[in-house]
């Protein structure tokens, strides 16, 4: 079994020196089912009648690991609603992945004791410092259960972060969520809510002056609170500095229908930019297909929109550019990129 640190080095060096897109991160959505019905999310609205079987999931995990992936981001939908959650976590662990799970936190209390020893990091999505969170996500008791779940998770998992989507209704509460994170002894990551679904005019922040004011506030709060949104992402978002999108060479996205899709956030919810389907071809054939190469070429030439200024797009891109300012922060700083330091 190749240690994941070596797999990471191989992926970076191959992408930079050989221009061969060896992936390292597998972002896997084995189910779109969720116990929340968030207005700003599309996952729970998607079809989940013909989702991947355990045999297909096993093949995906093995083929992706063989291709180069060493870091599994188990996403969804809500992972702990998925009937295959135990199989996925234990299978991925036995294969050799470092495992990160993004969850709304409602079911953490019921699951973390069973799975905590297999998991390297947990991200809990919280959008308010109080029970307004329950209203927007349409799940009564969610905020209290998420906070209780974080406290319980600390017994089993060291790397825990809160993910806070900034929008028109909650941007004034940034300091309060920082105080909660500090009190809980966990990290907090800020990102601006993106237009994953239509009709979000009342949610999205489009005023550039307000966006920059929020960024400056976050940079200031980083001096006193455990914020892991990297300075480089904040700086790029503040200046709207252009960059070449390389995320699709480093991150392999696979959804519950077996579609290997473009990591571009402008296409993610529409699933209109697909490399291929694992039910029709092997992952290797899909990843190195002419279609995948053409889609990456479009990404490279694309001028970033505001939604593109997120760490999942900027950080892989700057890691592979390389951007030496980011590399310096990545190596020495306490950023989202620091998760690489925890890789086995």
C-alpha atoms as a PDB file:
ATOM      1  CA  UNK A   1       0.000   0.000   0.000  1.00  0.00           C
ATOM      2  CA  UNK A   2       1.484   3.351  -1.075  1.00  0.00           C
ATOM      3  CA  UNK A   3       1.395   5.918   1.765  1.00  0.00           C
ATOM      4  CA  UNK A   4      -0.931   8.761   0.877  1.00  0.00           C
ATOM      5  CA  UNK A   5       1.792  11.364   1.348  1.00  0.00           C
ATOM      6  CA  UNK A   6       3.654   9.743  -1.524  1.00  0.00           C
ATOM      7  CA  UNK A   7       0.477   9.603  -3.596  1.00  0.00           C
ATOM      8  CA  UNK A   8       0.022  13.340  -2.983  1.00  0.00           C
ATOM      9  CA  UNK A   9       3.596  14.074  -4.078  1.00  0.00           C
ATOM     10  CA  UNK A  10       3.140  11.906  -7.174  1.00  0.00           C
ATOM     11  CA  UNK A  11      -0.089  13.711  -8.095  1.00  0.00           C
ATOM     12  CA  UNK A  12       1.407  17.180  -7.668  1.00  0.00           C
ATOM     13  CA  UNK A  13       4.642  16.393  -9.500  1.00  0.00           C
ATOM     14  CA  UNK A  14       2.851  14.625 -12.343  1.00  0.00           C
ATOM     15  CA  UNK A  15       0.409  17.497 -12.819  1.00  0.00           C
ATOM     16  CA  UNK A  16       3.144  20.146 -12.707  1.00  0.00           C
ATOM     17  CA  UNK A  17       6.052  18.460 -14.476  1.00  0.00           C
ATOM     18  CA  UNK A  18       4.465  15.911 -16.807  1.00  0.00           C
ATOM     19  CA  UNK A  19       1.113  17.651 -17.359  1.00  0.00           C
ATOM     20  CA  UNK A  20      -0.517  14.294 -16.667  1.00  0.00           C
ATOM     21  CA  UNK A  21      -3.683  14.738 -14.535  1.00  0.00           C
ATOM     22  CA  UNK A  22      -3.238  12.180 -11.777  1.00  0.00           C
ATOM     23  CA  UNK A  23      -6.053  12.805  -9.253  1.00  0.00           C
ATOM     24  CA  UNK A  24      -5.508  12.831  -5.496  1.00  0.00           C
ATOM     25  CA  UNK A  25      -8.874  13.832  -4.006  1.00  0.00           C
ATOM     26  CA  UNK A  26     -11.922  11.656  -4.603  1.00  0.00           C
ATOM     27  CA  UNK A  27     -15.096  13.641  -3.932  1.00  0.00           C
ATOM     28  CA  UNK A  28     -17.676  10.883  -3.747  1.00  0.00           C
ATOM     29  CA  UNK A  29     -21.450  11.328  -3.463  1.00  0.00           C
ATOM     30  CA  UNK A  30     -22.789   7.780  -3.023  1.00  0.00           C
ATOM     31  CA  UNK A  31     -26.317   9.084  -2.351  1.00  0.00           C
ATOM     32  CA  UNK A  32     -28.245  12.322  -2.813  1.00  0.00           C
ATOM     33  CA  UNK A  33     -30.697  11.498  -0.009  1.00  0.00           C
ATOM     34  CA  UNK A  34     -30.824  13.986   2.841  1.00  0.00           C
ATOM     35  CA  UNK A  35     -32.875  14.671   5.949  1.00  0.00           C
ATOM     36  CA  UNK A  36     -32.673  18.418   5.215  1.00  0.00           C
ATOM     37  CA  UNK A  37     -34.496  20.299   2.470  1.00  0.00           C
ATOM     38  CA  UNK A  38     -32.262  23.359   2.151  1.00  0.00           C
ATOM     39  CA  UNK A  39     -33.514  26.057  -0.222  1.00  0.00           C
ATOM     40  CA  UNK A  40     -30.024  26.687  -1.583  1.00  0.00           C
ATOM     41  CA  UNK A  41     -29.117  23.015  -2.223  1.00  0.00           C
ATOM     42  CA  UNK A  42     -29.954  20.727  -5.129  1.00  0.00           C
ATOM     43  CA  UNK A  43     -28.844  17.337  -3.803  1.00  0.00           C
ATOM     44  CA  UNK A  44     -32.062  16.325  -2.042  1.00  0.00           C
ATOM     45  CA  UNK A  45     -34.032  17.110  -5.215  1.00  0.00           C
ATOM     46  CA  UNK A  46     -32.079  14.668  -7.371  1.00  0.00           C
ATOM     47  CA  UNK A  47     -33.231  11.176  -8.323  1.00  0.00           C
ATOM     48  CA  UNK A  48     -31.988   8.475  -5.944  1.00  0.00           C
ATOM     49  CA  UNK A  49     -33.881   5.452  -7.262  1.00  0.00           C
ATOM     50  CA  UNK A  50     -30.981   3.905  -9.161  1.00  0.00           C
ATOM     51  CA  UNK A  51     -27.983   4.803  -7.033  1.00  0.00           C
ATOM     52  CA  UNK A  52     -24.755   2.816  -6.938  1.00  0.00           C
ATOM     53  CA  UNK A  53     -24.775  -0.652  -5.381  1.00  0.00           C
ATOM     54  CA  UNK A  54     -22.169  -1.812  -2.873  1.00  0.00           C
ATOM     55  CA  UNK A  55     -20.392  -3.755  -5.630  1.00  0.00           C
ATOM     56  CA  UNK A  56     -20.209  -0.619  -7.788  1.00  0.00           C
ATOM     57  CA  UNK A  57     -19.054   1.473  -4.825  1.00  0.00           C
ATOM     58  CA  UNK A  58     -16.330  -1.074  -4.091  1.00  0.00           C
ATOM     59  CA  UNK A  59     -15.127  -0.847  -7.695  1.00  0.00           C
ATOM     60  CA  UNK A  60     -15.162   2.961  -7.630  1.00  0.00           C
ATOM     61  CA  UNK A  61     -13.119   3.126  -4.445  1.00  0.00           C
ATOM     62  CA  UNK A  62     -10.548   0.566  -5.632  1.00  0.00           C
ATOM     63  CA  UNK A  63     -10.159   2.015  -9.136  1.00  0.00           C
ATOM     64  CA  UNK A  64      -9.860   5.599  -7.860  1.00  0.00           C
ATOM     65  CA  UNK A  65      -7.215   4.570  -5.326  1.00  0.00           C
ATOM     66  CA  UNK A  66      -5.284   2.732  -8.022  1.00  0.00           C
ATOM     67  CA  UNK A  67      -5.431   5.829 -10.244  1.00  0.00           C
ATOM     68  CA  UNK A  68      -3.846   7.957  -7.522  1.00  0.00           C
ATOM     69  CA  UNK A  69      -6.553   9.128  -5.123  1.00  0.00           C
ATOM     70  CA  UNK A  70      -5.618   8.925  -1.465  1.00  0.00           C
ATOM     71  CA  UNK A  71      -8.011  11.386   0.128  1.00  0.00           C
ATOM     72  CA  UNK A  72     -11.735  10.569   0.157  1.00  0.00           C
ATOM     73  CA  UNK A  73     -14.239  13.365   0.677  1.00  0.00           C
ATOM     74  CA  UNK A  74     -17.448  11.519   1.517  1.00  0.00           C
ATOM     75  CA  UNK A  75     -20.194  13.947   0.571  1.00  0.00           C
ATOM     76  CA  UNK A  76     -23.812  13.891  -0.487  1.00  0.00           C
ATOM     77  CA  UNK A  77     -26.678  14.250   0.294  1.00  0.00           C
ATOM     78  CA  UNK A  78     -26.295  13.521   3.968  1.00  0.00           C
ATOM     79  CA  UNK A  79     -23.737  10.685   4.339  1.00  0.00           C
ATOM     80  CA  UNK A  80     -25.228   9.293   7.538  1.00  0.00           C
ATOM     81  CA  UNK A  81     -28.644   8.850   5.885  1.00  0.00           C
ATOM     82  CA  UNK A  82     -27.084   6.581   3.279  1.00  0.00           C
ATOM     83  CA  UNK A  83     -27.811   2.896   3.917  1.00  0.00           C
ATOM     84  CA  UNK A  84     -24.304   2.039   2.656  1.00  0.00           C
ATOM     85  CA  UNK A  85     -22.469   4.388   5.037  1.00  0.00           C
ATOM     86  CA  UNK A  86     -20.887   1.614   7.129  1.00  0.00           C
ATOM     87  CA  UNK A  87     -19.778  -0.310   4.055  1.00  0.00           C
ATOM     88  CA  UNK A  88     -18.276   2.787   2.408  1.00  0.00           C
ATOM     89  CA  UNK A  89     -16.358   3.986   5.460  1.00  0.00           C
ATOM     90  CA  UNK A  90     -14.910   0.602   6.365  1.00  0.00           C
ATOM     91  CA  UNK A  91     -14.124  -0.331   2.761  1.00  0.00           C
ATOM     92  CA  UNK A  92     -12.383   2.998   2.118  1.00  0.00           C
ATOM     93  CA  UNK A  93     -10.438   2.670   5.370  1.00  0.00           C
ATOM     94  CA  UNK A  94      -9.277  -0.866   4.492  1.00  0.00           C
ATOM     95  CA  UNK A  95      -8.235   0.242   1.001  1.00  0.00           C
ATOM     96  CA  UNK A  96      -6.050   2.937   2.547  1.00  0.00           C
ATOM     97  CA  UNK A  97      -7.844   6.259   2.104  1.00  0.00           C
ATOM     98  CA  UNK A  98      -7.678   9.185   4.473  1.00  0.00           C
ATOM     99  CA  UNK A  99     -11.378   9.841   5.029  1.00  0.00           C
ATOM    100  CA  UNK A 100     -13.179  13.155   5.463  1.00  0.00           C
ATOM    101  CA  UNK A 101     -16.950  13.434   5.888  1.00  0.00           C
ATOM    102  CA  UNK A 102     -19.153  16.482   5.367  1.00  0.00           C
ATOM    103  CA  UNK A 103     -22.394  16.257   7.349  1.00  0.00           C
ATOM    104  CA  UNK A 104     -25.233  18.434   8.630  1.00  0.00           C
ATOM    105  CA  UNK A 105     -24.524  16.927  12.043  1.00  0.00           C
ATOM    106  CA  UNK A 106     -28.034  15.742  12.876  1.00  0.00           C
ATOM    107  CA  UNK A 107     -27.024  12.068  13.085  1.00  0.00           C
ATOM    108  CA  UNK A 108     -23.502  12.479  14.443  1.00  0.00           C
ATOM    109  CA  UNK A 109     -24.528  11.473  17.956  1.00  0.00           C
ATOM    110  CA  UNK A 110     -25.922   8.196  16.606  1.00  0.00           C
ATOM    111  CA  UNK A 111     -22.954   7.293  14.406  1.00  0.00           C
ATOM    112  CA  UNK A 112     -19.650   8.751  15.533  1.00  0.00           C
ATOM    113  CA  UNK A 113     -18.864   6.104  18.147  1.00  0.00           C
ATOM    114  CA  UNK A 114     -19.204   3.397  15.464  1.00  0.00           C
ATOM    115  CA  UNK A 115     -17.170   5.146  12.778  1.00  0.00           C
ATOM    116  CA  UNK A 116     -14.948   7.686  14.502  1.00  0.00           C
ATOM    117  CA  UNK A 117     -11.819   5.519  14.517  1.00  0.00           C
ATOM    118  CA  UNK A 118     -11.938   5.225  10.715  1.00  0.00           C
ATOM    119  CA  UNK A 119     -12.388   8.950  10.024  1.00  0.00           C
ATOM    120  CA  UNK A 120      -9.615  11.550   9.751  1.00  0.00           C
ATOM    121  CA  UNK A 121     -11.750  14.693   9.644  1.00  0.00           C
ATOM    122  CA  UNK A 122     -15.351  15.826  10.015  1.00  0.00           C
ATOM    123  CA  UNK A 123     -16.906  18.984   8.551  1.00  0.00           C
ATOM    124  CA  UNK A 124     -20.258  20.071  10.003  1.00  0.00           C
ATOM    125  CA  UNK A 125     -22.301  22.581   8.021  1.00  0.00           C
ATOM    126  CA  UNK A 126     -23.769  25.296  10.256  1.00  0.00           C
ATOM    127  CA  UNK A 127     -25.185  28.524   8.830  1.00  0.00           C
ATOM    128  CA  UNK A 128     -26.311  30.421  11.937  1.00  0.00           C
ATOM    129  CA  UNK A 129     -25.154  30.640  15.549  1.00  0.00           C
ATOM    130  CA  UNK A 130     -28.670  29.685  16.728  1.00  0.00           C
ATOM    131  CA  UNK A 131     -31.886  27.866  15.826  1.00  0.00           C
ATOM    132  CA  UNK A 132     -32.487  29.945  12.684  1.00  0.00           C
ATOM    133  CA  UNK A 133     -30.322  27.219  11.174  1.00  0.00           C
ATOM    134  CA  UNK A 134     -33.224  24.749  11.628  1.00  0.00           C
ATOM    135  CA  UNK A 135     -35.634  26.974   9.694  1.00  0.00           C
ATOM    136  CA  UNK A 136     -33.485  27.421   6.597  1.00  0.00           C
ATOM    137  CA  UNK A 137     -32.589  23.739   6.438  1.00  0.00           C
ATOM    138  CA  UNK A 138     -36.132  22.652   7.304  1.00  0.00           C
ATOM    139  CA  UNK A 139     -35.111  20.214  10.029  1.00  0.00           C
ATOM    140  CA  UNK A 140     -36.300  21.007  13.583  1.00  0.00           C
ATOM    141  CA  UNK A 141     -33.660  20.541  16.268  1.00  0.00           C
ATOM    142  CA  UNK A 142     -30.786  20.493  13.757  1.00  0.00           C
ATOM    143  CA  UNK A 143     -28.679  23.234  15.365  1.00  0.00           C
ATOM    144  CA  UNK A 144     -28.790  21.742  18.870  1.00  0.00           C
ATOM    145  CA  UNK A 145     -28.101  18.228  17.582  1.00  0.00           C
ATOM    146  CA  UNK A 146     -25.210  19.454  15.409  1.00  0.00           C
ATOM    147  CA  UNK A 147     -23.569  21.208  18.372  1.00  0.00           C
ATOM    148  CA  UNK A 148     -24.088  18.142  20.596  1.00  0.00           C
ATOM    149  CA  UNK A 149     -22.741  15.961  17.784  1.00  0.00           C
ATOM    150  CA  UNK A 150     -19.581  18.072  17.518  1.00  0.00           C
ATOM    151  CA  UNK A 151     -18.974  17.722  21.247  1.00  0.00           C
ATOM    152  CA  UNK A 152     -19.380  13.946  21.003  1.00  0.00           C
ATOM    153  CA  UNK A 153     -17.217  13.746  17.873  1.00  0.00           C
ATOM    154  CA  UNK A 154     -14.298  15.355  19.724  1.00  0.00           C
ATOM    155  CA  UNK A 155     -13.946  12.103  21.680  1.00  0.00           C
ATOM    156  CA  UNK A 156     -13.092  10.229  18.489  1.00  0.00           C
ATOM    157  CA  UNK A 157     -11.903  12.641  15.767  1.00  0.00           C
ATOM    158  CA  UNK A 158      -9.276  15.357  16.226  1.00  0.00           C
ATOM    159  CA  UNK A 159      -9.772  17.328  13.026  1.00  0.00           C
ATOM    160  CA  UNK A 160     -13.230  18.959  13.191  1.00  0.00           C
ATOM    161  CA  UNK A 161     -14.403  22.081  11.412  1.00  0.00           C
ATOM    162  CA  UNK A 162     -17.593  24.065  10.991  1.00  0.00           C
ATOM    163  CA  UNK A 163     -18.468  25.089   7.437  1.00  0.00           C
ATOM    164  CA  UNK A 164     -20.319  28.419   7.327  1.00  0.00           C
ATOM    165  CA  UNK A 165     -21.973  29.500   4.064  1.00  0.00           C
ATOM    166  CA  UNK A 166     -22.125  33.310   4.073  1.00  0.00           C
ATOM    167  CA  UNK A 167     -25.265  34.867   2.582  1.00  0.00           C
ATOM    168  CA  UNK A 168     -27.555  37.883   2.927  1.00  0.00           C
ATOM    169  CA  UNK A 169     -29.301  36.521   6.019  1.00  0.00           C
ATOM    170  CA  UNK A 170     -26.305  35.517   8.150  1.00  0.00           C
ATOM    171  CA  UNK A 171     -23.265  37.650   7.285  1.00  0.00           C
ATOM    172  CA  UNK A 172     -23.753  39.776  10.413  1.00  0.00           C
ATOM    173  CA  UNK A 173     -23.309  36.668  12.597  1.00  0.00           C
ATOM    174  CA  UNK A 174     -19.777  35.764  11.524  1.00  0.00           C
ATOM    175  CA  UNK A 175     -18.211  36.793  14.829  1.00  0.00           C
ATOM    176  CA  UNK A 176     -20.803  34.814  16.799  1.00  0.00           C
ATOM    177  CA  UNK A 177     -20.067  31.589  14.908  1.00  0.00           C
ATOM    178  CA  UNK A 178     -16.351  32.223  15.526  1.00  0.00           C
ATOM    179  CA  UNK A 179     -17.058  32.415  19.249  1.00  0.00           C
ATOM    180  CA  UNK A 180     -18.983  29.132  19.112  1.00  0.00           C
ATOM    181  CA  UNK A 181     -16.124  27.445  17.241  1.00  0.00           C
ATOM    182  CA  UNK A 182     -13.599  28.739  19.752  1.00  0.00           C
ATOM    183  CA  UNK A 183     -15.743  27.580  22.677  1.00  0.00           C
ATOM    184  CA  UNK A 184     -16.136  24.133  21.102  1.00  0.00           C
ATOM    185  CA  UNK A 185     -12.418  23.921  20.356  1.00  0.00           C
ATOM    186  CA  UNK A 186     -12.938  23.339  16.618  1.00  0.00           C
ATOM    187  CA  UNK A 187     -12.040  25.240  13.457  1.00  0.00           C
ATOM    188  CA  UNK A 188     -14.360  27.255  11.237  1.00  0.00           C
ATOM    189  CA  UNK A 189     -14.231  27.676   7.473  1.00  0.00           C
ATOM    190  CA  UNK A 190     -16.053  30.503   5.707  1.00  0.00           C
ATOM    191  CA  UNK A 191     -17.237  30.473   2.118  1.00  0.00           C
ATOM    192  CA  UNK A 192     -19.726  32.619   0.248  1.00  0.00           C
ATOM    193  CA  UNK A 193     -22.931  30.852  -0.718  1.00  0.00           C
ATOM    194  CA  UNK A 194     -22.871  30.030  -4.423  1.00  0.00           C
ATOM    195  CA  UNK A 195     -25.695  29.769  -6.959  1.00  0.00           C
ATOM    196  CA  UNK A 196     -26.159  25.997  -6.990  1.00  0.00           C
ATOM    197  CA  UNK A 197     -29.902  26.424  -7.615  1.00  0.00           C
ATOM    198  CA  UNK A 198     -32.079  29.099  -9.225  1.00  0.00           C
ATOM    199  CA  UNK A 199     -34.057  31.836  -7.460  1.00  0.00           C
ATOM    200  CA  UNK A 200     -31.490  32.686  -4.786  1.00  0.00           C
ATOM    201  CA  UNK A 201     -31.597  36.457  -5.262  1.00  0.00           C
ATOM    202  CA  UNK A 202     -32.652  36.963  -1.640  1.00  0.00           C
ATOM    203  CA  UNK A 203     -29.704  34.865  -0.466  1.00  0.00           C
ATOM    204  CA  UNK A 204     -26.650  35.608  -2.577  1.00  0.00           C
ATOM    205  CA  UNK A 205     -24.404  38.548  -1.742  1.00  0.00           C
ATOM    206  CA  UNK A 206     -23.613  40.348  -4.979  1.00  0.00           C
ATOM    207  CA  UNK A 207     -22.551  43.772  -3.715  1.00  0.00           C
ATOM    208  CA  UNK A 208     -18.779  43.889  -4.257  1.00  0.00           C
ATOM    209  CA  UNK A 209     -18.227  46.451  -1.500  1.00  0.00           C
ATOM    210  CA  UNK A 210     -20.085  44.294   1.006  1.00  0.00           C
ATOM    211  CA  UNK A 211     -18.179  41.189  -0.110  1.00  0.00           C
ATOM    212  CA  UNK A 212     -14.865  42.950   0.410  1.00  0.00           C
ATOM    213  CA  UNK A 213     -15.989  44.314   3.782  1.00  0.00           C
ATOM    214  CA  UNK A 214     -16.821  40.765   4.905  1.00  0.00           C
ATOM    215  CA  UNK A 215     -13.455  39.480   3.663  1.00  0.00           C
ATOM    216  CA  UNK A 216     -11.600  42.144   5.645  1.00  0.00           C
ATOM    217  CA  UNK A 217     -13.635  41.237   8.726  1.00  0.00           C
ATOM    218  CA  UNK A 218     -12.695  37.572   8.360  1.00  0.00           C
ATOM    219  CA  UNK A 219      -9.015  38.441   7.916  1.00  0.00           C
ATOM    220  CA  UNK A 220      -9.159  40.475  11.110  1.00  0.00           C
ATOM    221  CA  UNK A 221     -11.017  37.753  13.028  1.00  0.00           C
ATOM    222  CA  UNK A 222      -8.345  35.217  11.997  1.00  0.00           C
ATOM    223  CA  UNK A 223      -6.022  36.900  14.481  1.00  0.00           C
ATOM    224  CA  UNK A 224      -8.228  35.781  17.380  1.00  0.00           C
ATOM    225  CA  UNK A 225     -10.294  32.830  16.234  1.00  0.00           C
ATOM    226  CA  UNK A 226      -9.584  29.360  14.708  1.00  0.00           C
ATOM    227  CA  UNK A 227     -10.520  30.328  11.128  1.00  0.00           C
ATOM    228  CA  UNK A 228      -8.993  28.101   8.451  1.00  0.00           C
ATOM    229  CA  UNK A 229     -10.120  29.927   5.325  1.00  0.00           C
ATOM    230  CA  UNK A 230      -6.721  30.595   3.803  1.00  0.00           C
ATOM    231  CA  UNK A 231      -5.379  34.109   3.341  1.00  0.00           C
ATOM    232  CA  UNK A 232      -4.651  33.346  -0.278  1.00  0.00           C
ATOM    233  CA  UNK A 233      -8.316  32.448  -0.984  1.00  0.00           C
ATOM    234  CA  UNK A 234      -9.455  35.580   0.823  1.00  0.00           C
ATOM    235  CA  UNK A 235      -6.949  37.701  -1.106  1.00  0.00           C
ATOM    236  CA  UNK A 236      -7.959  36.258  -4.468  1.00  0.00           C
ATOM    237  CA  UNK A 237     -11.644  36.765  -3.652  1.00  0.00           C
ATOM    238  CA  UNK A 238     -11.005  40.328  -2.479  1.00  0.00           C
ATOM    239  CA  UNK A 239      -9.087  41.352  -5.595  1.00  0.00           C
ATOM    240  CA  UNK A 240     -10.965  39.025  -8.011  1.00  0.00           C
ATOM    241  CA  UNK A 241      -7.519  38.090  -9.267  1.00  0.00           C
ATOM    242  CA  UNK A 242      -7.617  35.807 -12.286  1.00  0.00           C
ATOM    243  CA  UNK A 243      -6.296  32.242 -12.083  1.00  0.00           C
ATOM    244  CA  UNK A 244      -6.205  29.110 -14.229  1.00  0.00           C
ATOM    245  CA  UNK A 245      -8.676  26.488 -12.997  1.00  0.00           C
ATOM    246  CA  UNK A 246      -6.839  23.195 -12.453  1.00  0.00           C
ATOM    247  CA  UNK A 247      -9.258  21.585 -10.001  1.00  0.00           C
ATOM    248  CA  UNK A 248     -10.468  19.037 -12.558  1.00  0.00           C
ATOM    249  CA  UNK A 249      -6.957  17.564 -12.838  1.00  0.00           C
ATOM    250  CA  UNK A 250      -6.579  17.054  -9.079  1.00  0.00           C
ATOM    251  CA  UNK A 251     -10.125  16.269  -7.880  1.00  0.00           C
ATOM    252  CA  UNK A 252     -12.193  13.367  -9.179  1.00  0.00           C
ATOM    253  CA  UNK A 253     -15.931  13.949  -8.634  1.00  0.00           C
ATOM    254  CA  UNK A 254     -18.289  10.949  -8.762  1.00  0.00           C
ATOM    255  CA  UNK A 255     -21.987  11.103  -7.929  1.00  0.00           C
ATOM    256  CA  UNK A 256     -24.536   8.516  -6.847  1.00  0.00           C
ATOM    257  CA  UNK A 257     -25.500   7.613 -10.425  1.00  0.00           C
ATOM    258  CA  UNK A 258     -21.901   6.764 -11.314  1.00  0.00           C
ATOM    259  CA  UNK A 259     -21.305   9.970 -13.254  1.00  0.00           C
ATOM    260  CA  UNK A 260     -17.737  11.272 -13.234  1.00  0.00           C
ATOM    261  CA  UNK A 261     -18.426  14.986 -13.493  1.00  0.00           C
ATOM    262  CA  UNK A 262     -16.523  18.208 -13.993  1.00  0.00           C
ATOM    263  CA  UNK A 263     -15.451  19.784 -10.701  1.00  0.00           C
ATOM    264  CA  UNK A 264     -16.396  23.217 -12.081  1.00  0.00           C
ATOM    265  CA  UNK A 265     -18.955  24.773  -9.722  1.00  0.00           C
ATOM    266  CA  UNK A 266     -20.748  26.366 -12.681  1.00  0.00           C
ATOM    267  CA  UNK A 267     -21.716  22.897 -13.936  1.00  0.00           C
ATOM    268  CA  UNK A 268     -21.904  20.804 -10.773  1.00  0.00           C
ATOM    269  CA  UNK A 269     -25.625  21.156 -10.037  1.00  0.00           C
ATOM    270  CA  UNK A 270     -26.670  20.814 -13.687  1.00  0.00           C
ATOM    271  CA  UNK A 271     -24.529  17.742 -14.305  1.00  0.00           C
ATOM    272  CA  UNK A 272     -24.144  19.021 -17.859  1.00  0.00           C
ATOM    273  CA  UNK A 273     -20.377  18.527 -18.048  1.00  0.00           C
ATOM    274  CA  UNK A 274     -19.744  14.807 -17.615  1.00  0.00           C
ATOM    275  CA  UNK A 275     -16.508  12.912 -18.271  1.00  0.00           C
ATOM    276  CA  UNK A 276     -18.318   9.560 -18.355  1.00  0.00           C
ATOM    277  CA  UNK A 277     -20.121   6.958 -16.237  1.00  0.00           C
ATOM    278  CA  UNK A 278     -18.500   4.142 -14.247  1.00  0.00           C
ATOM    279  CA  UNK A 279     -21.368   1.850 -15.292  1.00  0.00           C
ATOM    280  CA  UNK A 280     -20.167   2.123 -18.873  1.00  0.00           C
ATOM    281  CA  UNK A 281     -16.361   2.394 -18.645  1.00  0.00           C
ATOM    282  CA  UNK A 282     -13.523   2.015 -16.175  1.00  0.00           C
ATOM    283  CA  UNK A 283     -12.413   5.079 -14.241  1.00  0.00           C
ATOM    284  CA  UNK A 284      -9.073   5.061 -16.029  1.00  0.00           C
ATOM    285  CA  UNK A 285     -10.767   5.114 -19.428  1.00  0.00           C
ATOM    286  CA  UNK A 286     -13.036   7.948 -18.320  1.00  0.00           C
ATOM    287  CA  UNK A 287     -10.373  10.056 -16.604  1.00  0.00           C
ATOM    288  CA  UNK A 288      -7.979   9.952 -19.563  1.00  0.00           C
ATOM    289  CA  UNK A 289     -10.603  10.096 -22.307  1.00  0.00           C
ATOM    290  CA  UNK A 290     -10.559  12.674 -25.090  1.00  0.00           C
ATOM    291  CA  UNK A 291     -13.788  14.138 -23.693  1.00  0.00           C
ATOM    292  CA  UNK A 292     -12.236  14.622 -20.233  1.00  0.00           C
ATOM    293  CA  UNK A 293      -9.199  16.267 -21.815  1.00  0.00           C
ATOM    294  CA  UNK A 294     -11.397  18.637 -23.814  1.00  0.00           C
ATOM    295  CA  UNK A 295     -13.433  19.617 -20.743  1.00  0.00           C
ATOM    296  CA  UNK A 296     -10.264  20.328 -18.759  1.00  0.00           C
ATOM    297  CA  UNK A 297      -9.051  22.477 -21.640  1.00  0.00           C
ATOM    298  CA  UNK A 298     -12.232  24.557 -21.438  1.00  0.00           C
ATOM    299  CA  UNK A 299     -11.742  24.949 -17.681  1.00  0.00           C
ATOM    300  CA  UNK A 300      -8.147  26.111 -18.149  1.00  0.00           C
ATOM    301  CA  UNK A 301      -9.228  28.903 -20.497  1.00  0.00           C
ATOM    302  CA  UNK A 302     -12.314  29.943 -18.533  1.00  0.00           C
ATOM    303  CA  UNK A 303     -12.333  33.349 -16.835  1.00  0.00           C
ATOM    304  CA  UNK A 304     -13.370  32.708 -13.187  1.00  0.00           C
ATOM    305  CA  UNK A 305     -16.816  33.863 -12.059  1.00  0.00           C
ATOM    306  CA  UNK A 306     -17.514  34.812  -8.444  1.00  0.00           C
ATOM    307  CA  UNK A 307     -18.666  31.267  -7.603  1.00  0.00           C
ATOM    308  CA  UNK A 308     -15.217  30.022  -8.626  1.00  0.00           C
ATOM    309  CA  UNK A 309     -13.541  31.875  -5.750  1.00  0.00           C
ATOM    310  CA  UNK A 310     -13.905  28.964  -3.340  1.00  0.00           C
ATOM    311  CA  UNK A 311     -11.098  26.981  -1.745  1.00  0.00           C
ATOM    312  CA  UNK A 312     -12.100  23.758  -3.528  1.00  0.00           C
ATOM    313  CA  UNK A 313     -11.296  25.497  -6.832  1.00  0.00           C
ATOM    314  CA  UNK A 314      -8.610  28.039  -5.948  1.00  0.00           C
ATOM    315  CA  UNK A 315      -6.443  25.901  -3.659  1.00  0.00           C
ATOM    316  CA  UNK A 316      -5.907  22.926  -6.009  1.00  0.00           C
ATOM    317  CA  UNK A 317      -5.332  25.372  -8.860  1.00  0.00           C
ATOM    318  CA  UNK A 318      -2.671  27.326  -6.989  1.00  0.00           C
ATOM    319  CA  UNK A 319      -1.132  24.133  -5.632  1.00  0.00           C
ATOM    320  CA  UNK A 320      -0.535  22.969  -9.198  1.00  0.00           C
ATOM    321  CA  UNK A 321       0.315  26.307 -10.813  1.00  0.00           C
ATOM    322  CA  UNK A 322       2.394  26.661  -8.635  1.00  0.00           C
ATOM    323  CA  UNK A 323       1.727  29.890  -6.759  1.00  0.00           C
ATOM    324  CA  UNK A 324       4.654  30.276  -4.351  1.00  0.00           C
ATOM    325  CA  UNK A 325       2.778  32.596  -2.006  1.00  0.00           C
ATOM    326  CA  UNK A 326       0.156  29.917  -1.580  1.00  0.00           C
ATOM    327  CA  UNK A 327       2.792  27.197  -1.190  1.00  0.00           C
ATOM    328  CA  UNK A 328       4.366  29.196   1.619  1.00  0.00           C
ATOM    329  CA  UNK A 329       1.029  29.495   3.407  1.00  0.00           C
ATOM    330  CA  UNK A 330       0.184  25.885   2.636  1.00  0.00           C
ATOM    331  CA  UNK A 331       3.424  24.637   4.212  1.00  0.00           C
ATOM    332  CA  UNK A 332       3.632  26.963   7.214  1.00  0.00           C
ATOM    333  CA  UNK A 333       0.105  28.275   7.783  1.00  0.00           C
ATOM    334  CA  UNK A 334      -3.046  26.999   9.464  1.00  0.00           C
ATOM    335  CA  UNK A 335      -5.251  26.831   6.359  1.00  0.00           C
ATOM    336  CA  UNK A 336      -7.676  24.495   4.680  1.00  0.00           C
ATOM    337  CA  UNK A 337      -4.663  23.231   2.769  1.00  0.00           C
ATOM    338  CA  UNK A 338      -3.186  22.109   6.082  1.00  0.00           C
ATOM    339  CA  UNK A 339      -5.369  18.988   5.890  1.00  0.00           C
ATOM    340  CA  UNK A 340      -2.607  17.605   3.655  1.00  0.00           C
ATOM    341  CA  UNK A 341      -0.298  17.631   6.683  1.00  0.00           C
ATOM    342  CA  UNK A 342      -2.542  15.091   8.388  1.00  0.00           C
ATOM    343  CA  UNK A 343      -2.301  12.632   5.525  1.00  0.00           C
ATOM    344  CA  UNK A 344      -0.806   9.282   6.452  1.00  0.00           C
END
